[in-house]
């Protein structure tokens, strides 16, 4: 999954040129957009969590209906 970008300083090349070459290599490899897209990726809810949410929803609906019949809502 990890991509390594390796740059070696050439003879008579200043540090700004090396940095520019490195930035171009990283940009062309497409590493930054892929990492940003994965950064906030949420996991899919497990079966147990989905079941618990559904049961809670059913309980809340039943409680609401009960209160509605009693005239509290």
C-alpha atoms as a PDB file:
ATOM      1  CA  UNK A   1       0.000   0.000   0.000  1.00  0.00           C
ATOM      2  CA  UNK A   2       2.800   2.412   0.801  1.00  0.00           C
ATOM      3  CA  UNK A   3       4.623   4.031  -2.068  1.00  0.00           C
ATOM      4  CA  UNK A   4       8.117   5.254  -1.468  1.00  0.00           C
ATOM      5  CA  UNK A   5       9.394   8.210  -3.448  1.00  0.00           C
ATOM      6  CA  UNK A   6      13.157   8.154  -3.523  1.00  0.00           C
ATOM      7  CA  UNK A   7      15.181  11.142  -4.739  1.00  0.00           C
ATOM      8  CA  UNK A   8      18.984  11.306  -4.793  1.00  0.00           C
ATOM      9  CA  UNK A   9      20.709  14.666  -4.945  1.00  0.00           C
ATOM     10  CA  UNK A  10      22.641  15.084  -8.163  1.00  0.00           C
ATOM     11  CA  UNK A  11      26.018  16.785  -8.431  1.00  0.00           C
ATOM     12  CA  UNK A  12      25.878  20.570  -8.292  1.00  0.00           C
ATOM     13  CA  UNK A  13      22.148  20.568  -7.499  1.00  0.00           C
ATOM     14  CA  UNK A  14      20.898  22.875  -4.769  1.00  0.00           C
ATOM     15  CA  UNK A  15      18.396  21.872  -2.108  1.00  0.00           C
ATOM     16  CA  UNK A  16      15.523  23.833  -3.703  1.00  0.00           C
ATOM     17  CA  UNK A  17      15.893  21.870  -6.934  1.00  0.00           C
ATOM     18  CA  UNK A  18      15.881  18.592  -5.000  1.00  0.00           C
ATOM     19  CA  UNK A  19      12.759  19.679  -3.129  1.00  0.00           C
ATOM     20  CA  UNK A  20      11.066  20.661  -6.391  1.00  0.00           C
ATOM     21  CA  UNK A  21      11.906  17.289  -7.981  1.00  0.00           C
ATOM     22  CA  UNK A  22      10.616  15.487  -4.902  1.00  0.00           C
ATOM     23  CA  UNK A  23       7.348  17.442  -4.937  1.00  0.00           C
ATOM     24  CA  UNK A  24       6.849  16.705  -8.641  1.00  0.00           C
ATOM     25  CA  UNK A  25       7.493  13.001  -8.081  1.00  0.00           C
ATOM     26  CA  UNK A  26       5.011  12.850  -5.187  1.00  0.00           C
ATOM     27  CA  UNK A  27       2.408  14.728  -7.236  1.00  0.00           C
ATOM     28  CA  UNK A  28       2.828  12.441 -10.242  1.00  0.00           C
ATOM     29  CA  UNK A  29       2.601   9.332  -8.058  1.00  0.00           C
ATOM     30  CA  UNK A  30      -0.824  10.484  -6.790  1.00  0.00           C
ATOM     31  CA  UNK A  31      -0.009   9.718  -3.171  1.00  0.00           C
ATOM     32  CA  UNK A  32      -1.534  12.795  -1.549  1.00  0.00           C
ATOM     33  CA  UNK A  33      -5.050  12.555  -3.090  1.00  0.00           C
ATOM     34  CA  UNK A  34      -5.275   8.862  -2.215  1.00  0.00           C
ATOM     35  CA  UNK A  35      -4.216   9.445   1.391  1.00  0.00           C
ATOM     36  CA  UNK A  36      -6.662  12.348   1.749  1.00  0.00           C
ATOM     37  CA  UNK A  37      -9.504  10.223   0.379  1.00  0.00           C
ATOM     38  CA  UNK A  38      -8.732   7.446   2.876  1.00  0.00           C
ATOM     39  CA  UNK A  39      -8.356   9.790   5.825  1.00  0.00           C
ATOM     40  CA  UNK A  40     -12.031  10.215   6.674  1.00  0.00           C
ATOM     41  CA  UNK A  41     -13.237   6.867   5.406  1.00  0.00           C
ATOM     42  CA  UNK A  42     -15.765   5.435   7.873  1.00  0.00           C
ATOM     43  CA  UNK A  43     -16.099   1.775   8.612  1.00  0.00           C
ATOM     44  CA  UNK A  44     -19.305  -0.011   7.768  1.00  0.00           C
ATOM     45  CA  UNK A  45     -21.442  -0.638  10.875  1.00  0.00           C
ATOM     46  CA  UNK A  46     -21.331  -4.222  12.111  1.00  0.00           C
ATOM     47  CA  UNK A  47     -24.397  -6.466  12.101  1.00  0.00           C
ATOM     48  CA  UNK A  48     -24.709  -6.209  15.881  1.00  0.00           C
ATOM     49  CA  UNK A  49     -24.631  -2.415  15.868  1.00  0.00           C
ATOM     50  CA  UNK A  50     -27.232  -2.245  13.077  1.00  0.00           C
ATOM     51  CA  UNK A  51     -29.475  -4.649  14.974  1.00  0.00           C
ATOM     52  CA  UNK A  52     -29.156  -2.634  18.190  1.00  0.00           C
ATOM     53  CA  UNK A  53     -30.007   0.588  16.360  1.00  0.00           C
ATOM     54  CA  UNK A  54     -33.076  -1.023  14.795  1.00  0.00           C
ATOM     55  CA  UNK A  55     -34.287  -2.336  18.164  1.00  0.00           C
ATOM     56  CA  UNK A  56     -33.754   1.070  19.782  1.00  0.00           C
ATOM     57  CA  UNK A  57     -35.737   2.680  16.965  1.00  0.00           C
ATOM     58  CA  UNK A  58     -38.633   0.241  17.501  1.00  0.00           C
ATOM     59  CA  UNK A  59     -38.616   0.923  21.261  1.00  0.00           C
ATOM     60  CA  UNK A  60     -38.607   4.687  20.739  1.00  0.00           C
ATOM     61  CA  UNK A  61     -41.486   4.459  18.266  1.00  0.00           C
ATOM     62  CA  UNK A  62     -43.534   2.329  20.670  1.00  0.00           C
ATOM     63  CA  UNK A  63     -42.866   4.785  23.510  1.00  0.00           C
ATOM     64  CA  UNK A  64     -43.896   7.707  21.291  1.00  0.00           C
ATOM     65  CA  UNK A  65     -47.134   5.973  20.289  1.00  0.00           C
ATOM     66  CA  UNK A  66     -47.913   5.178  23.938  1.00  0.00           C
ATOM     67  CA  UNK A  67     -47.387   8.804  24.976  1.00  0.00           C
ATOM     68  CA  UNK A  68     -49.464   9.989  22.051  1.00  0.00           C
ATOM     69  CA  UNK A  69     -52.385   7.778  23.114  1.00  0.00           C
ATOM     70  CA  UNK A  70     -52.128   9.108  26.662  1.00  0.00           C
ATOM     71  CA  UNK A  71     -52.241  12.670  25.340  1.00  0.00           C
ATOM     72  CA  UNK A  72     -48.821  13.643  26.630  1.00  0.00           C
ATOM     73  CA  UNK A  73     -47.642  14.661  23.176  1.00  0.00           C
END
